[in-house]
């Protein structure tokens, strides 16, 4: 009986730990404005990874996007509904 109770308590603790880790992981994607200059960011158009310091940025609807070139930025803005 005690084994079942201990296992249930451990499962509940694990559930909350996994849920919190998943929420933190999702929040890290949304906090792109807090990136350091050496952070690697993926261009949404050509999927190339670049540093935040060398990226070309465009702000669309209060969200900042990072691009490897002006061509990718222009292509994104043409296809992105504003």
C-alpha atoms as a PDB file:
ATOM      1  CA  UNK A   1       0.000   0.000   0.000  1.00  0.00           C
ATOM      2  CA  UNK A   2       2.799   2.409   0.898  1.00  0.00           C
ATOM      3  CA  UNK A   3       4.585   1.607  -2.355  1.00  0.00           C
ATOM      4  CA  UNK A   4       1.551   2.679  -4.365  1.00  0.00           C
ATOM      5  CA  UNK A   5       1.270   5.953  -2.463  1.00  0.00           C
ATOM      6  CA  UNK A   6       4.987   6.697  -2.938  1.00  0.00           C
ATOM      7  CA  UNK A   7       4.777   5.891  -6.650  1.00  0.00           C
ATOM      8  CA  UNK A   8       1.749   8.165  -7.058  1.00  0.00           C
ATOM      9  CA  UNK A   9       3.496  11.012  -5.263  1.00  0.00           C
ATOM     10  CA  UNK A  10       6.580  10.592  -7.462  1.00  0.00           C
ATOM     11  CA  UNK A  11       4.435  10.552 -10.596  1.00  0.00           C
ATOM     12  CA  UNK A  12       2.690  13.756  -9.549  1.00  0.00           C
ATOM     13  CA  UNK A  13       6.022  15.444  -8.869  1.00  0.00           C
ATOM     14  CA  UNK A  14       7.365  14.315 -12.239  1.00  0.00           C
ATOM     15  CA  UNK A  15       4.230  15.582 -13.986  1.00  0.00           C
ATOM     16  CA  UNK A  16       4.667  19.073 -12.522  1.00  0.00           C
ATOM     17  CA  UNK A  17       8.391  19.091 -13.330  1.00  0.00           C
ATOM     18  CA  UNK A  18       7.798  18.139 -16.964  1.00  0.00           C
ATOM     19  CA  UNK A  19       4.970  20.649 -17.306  1.00  0.00           C
ATOM     20  CA  UNK A  20       7.136  23.447 -15.909  1.00  0.00           C
ATOM     21  CA  UNK A  21      10.051  22.524 -18.182  1.00  0.00           C
ATOM     22  CA  UNK A  22       7.739  22.561 -21.204  1.00  0.00           C
ATOM     23  CA  UNK A  23       6.378  25.996 -20.261  1.00  0.00           C
ATOM     24  CA  UNK A  24       9.905  27.372 -19.774  1.00  0.00           C
ATOM     25  CA  UNK A  25      10.908  25.957 -23.155  1.00  0.00           C
ATOM     26  CA  UNK A  26       7.952  27.688 -24.838  1.00  0.00           C
ATOM     27  CA  UNK A  27       8.726  30.982 -23.112  1.00  0.00           C
ATOM     28  CA  UNK A  28      12.319  30.877 -24.341  1.00  0.00           C
ATOM     29  CA  UNK A  29      11.051  31.025 -27.926  1.00  0.00           C
ATOM     30  CA  UNK A  30       8.994  34.122 -27.166  1.00  0.00           C
ATOM     31  CA  UNK A  31      11.788  36.073 -25.480  1.00  0.00           C
ATOM     32  CA  UNK A  32      13.738  36.786 -28.643  1.00  0.00           C
ATOM     33  CA  UNK A  33      14.178  40.422 -27.581  1.00  0.00           C
ATOM     34  CA  UNK A  34      16.454  39.274 -24.757  1.00  0.00           C
ATOM     35  CA  UNK A  35      19.025  37.611 -26.973  1.00  0.00           C
ATOM     36  CA  UNK A  36      22.728  38.168 -26.514  1.00  0.00           C
ATOM     37  CA  UNK A  37      24.899  39.179 -29.451  1.00  0.00           C
ATOM     38  CA  UNK A  38      26.353  35.657 -29.783  1.00  0.00           C
ATOM     39  CA  UNK A  39      22.990  33.864 -29.730  1.00  0.00           C
ATOM     40  CA  UNK A  40      22.280  31.741 -32.799  1.00  0.00           C
ATOM     41  CA  UNK A  41      18.986  32.471 -34.537  1.00  0.00           C
ATOM     42  CA  UNK A  42      17.363  30.698 -37.471  1.00  0.00           C
ATOM     43  CA  UNK A  43      16.288  32.741 -40.464  1.00  0.00           C
ATOM     44  CA  UNK A  44      12.548  31.991 -41.028  1.00  0.00           C
ATOM     45  CA  UNK A  45      12.930  32.109 -44.833  1.00  0.00           C
ATOM     46  CA  UNK A  46      16.046  30.133 -45.746  1.00  0.00           C
ATOM     47  CA  UNK A  47      16.507  28.362 -42.378  1.00  0.00           C
ATOM     48  CA  UNK A  48      20.163  29.431 -42.025  1.00  0.00           C
ATOM     49  CA  UNK A  49      21.527  29.971 -38.507  1.00  0.00           C
ATOM     50  CA  UNK A  50      23.126  33.353 -37.877  1.00  0.00           C
ATOM     51  CA  UNK A  51      24.274  35.302 -34.837  1.00  0.00           C
ATOM     52  CA  UNK A  52      21.943  37.925 -33.422  1.00  0.00           C
ATOM     53  CA  UNK A  53      24.710  40.499 -33.776  1.00  0.00           C
ATOM     54  CA  UNK A  54      25.041  40.044 -37.562  1.00  0.00           C
ATOM     55  CA  UNK A  55      21.337  39.531 -38.300  1.00  0.00           C
ATOM     56  CA  UNK A  56      19.102  41.949 -40.157  1.00  0.00           C
ATOM     57  CA  UNK A  57      16.030  42.614 -38.030  1.00  0.00           C
ATOM     58  CA  UNK A  58      12.493  43.514 -38.994  1.00  0.00           C
ATOM     59  CA  UNK A  59       9.686  44.175 -36.536  1.00  0.00           C
ATOM     60  CA  UNK A  60       6.234  42.950 -37.601  1.00  0.00           C
ATOM     61  CA  UNK A  61       3.252  43.272 -35.272  1.00  0.00           C
ATOM     62  CA  UNK A  62       5.412  43.756 -32.141  1.00  0.00           C
ATOM     63  CA  UNK A  63       7.531  40.699 -32.934  1.00  0.00           C
ATOM     64  CA  UNK A  64      11.143  40.887 -34.073  1.00  0.00           C
ATOM     65  CA  UNK A  65      12.313  38.625 -36.900  1.00  0.00           C
ATOM     66  CA  UNK A  66      15.970  37.985 -37.735  1.00  0.00           C
ATOM     67  CA  UNK A  67      17.276  37.434 -41.283  1.00  0.00           C
ATOM     68  CA  UNK A  68      20.579  36.551 -42.890  1.00  0.00           C
ATOM     69  CA  UNK A  69      20.174  39.027 -45.774  1.00  0.00           C
ATOM     70  CA  UNK A  70      18.023  41.866 -47.057  1.00  0.00           C
ATOM     71  CA  UNK A  71      16.714  39.522 -49.765  1.00  0.00           C
ATOM     72  CA  UNK A  72      15.325  37.097 -47.163  1.00  0.00           C
ATOM     73  CA  UNK A  73      13.838  39.977 -45.175  1.00  0.00           C
ATOM     74  CA  UNK A  74      12.099  41.401 -48.253  1.00  0.00           C
ATOM     75  CA  UNK A  75      10.812  37.972 -49.297  1.00  0.00           C
ATOM     76  CA  UNK A  76       9.404  37.410 -45.797  1.00  0.00           C
ATOM     77  CA  UNK A  77       7.700  40.820 -45.725  1.00  0.00           C
ATOM     78  CA  UNK A  78       6.125  40.187 -49.137  1.00  0.00           C
ATOM     79  CA  UNK A  79       4.667  36.848 -48.054  1.00  0.00           C
ATOM     80  CA  UNK A  80       3.775  37.801 -44.464  1.00  0.00           C
ATOM     81  CA  UNK A  81       0.231  39.112 -44.041  1.00  0.00           C
ATOM     82  CA  UNK A  82       0.350  42.366 -42.096  1.00  0.00           C
END
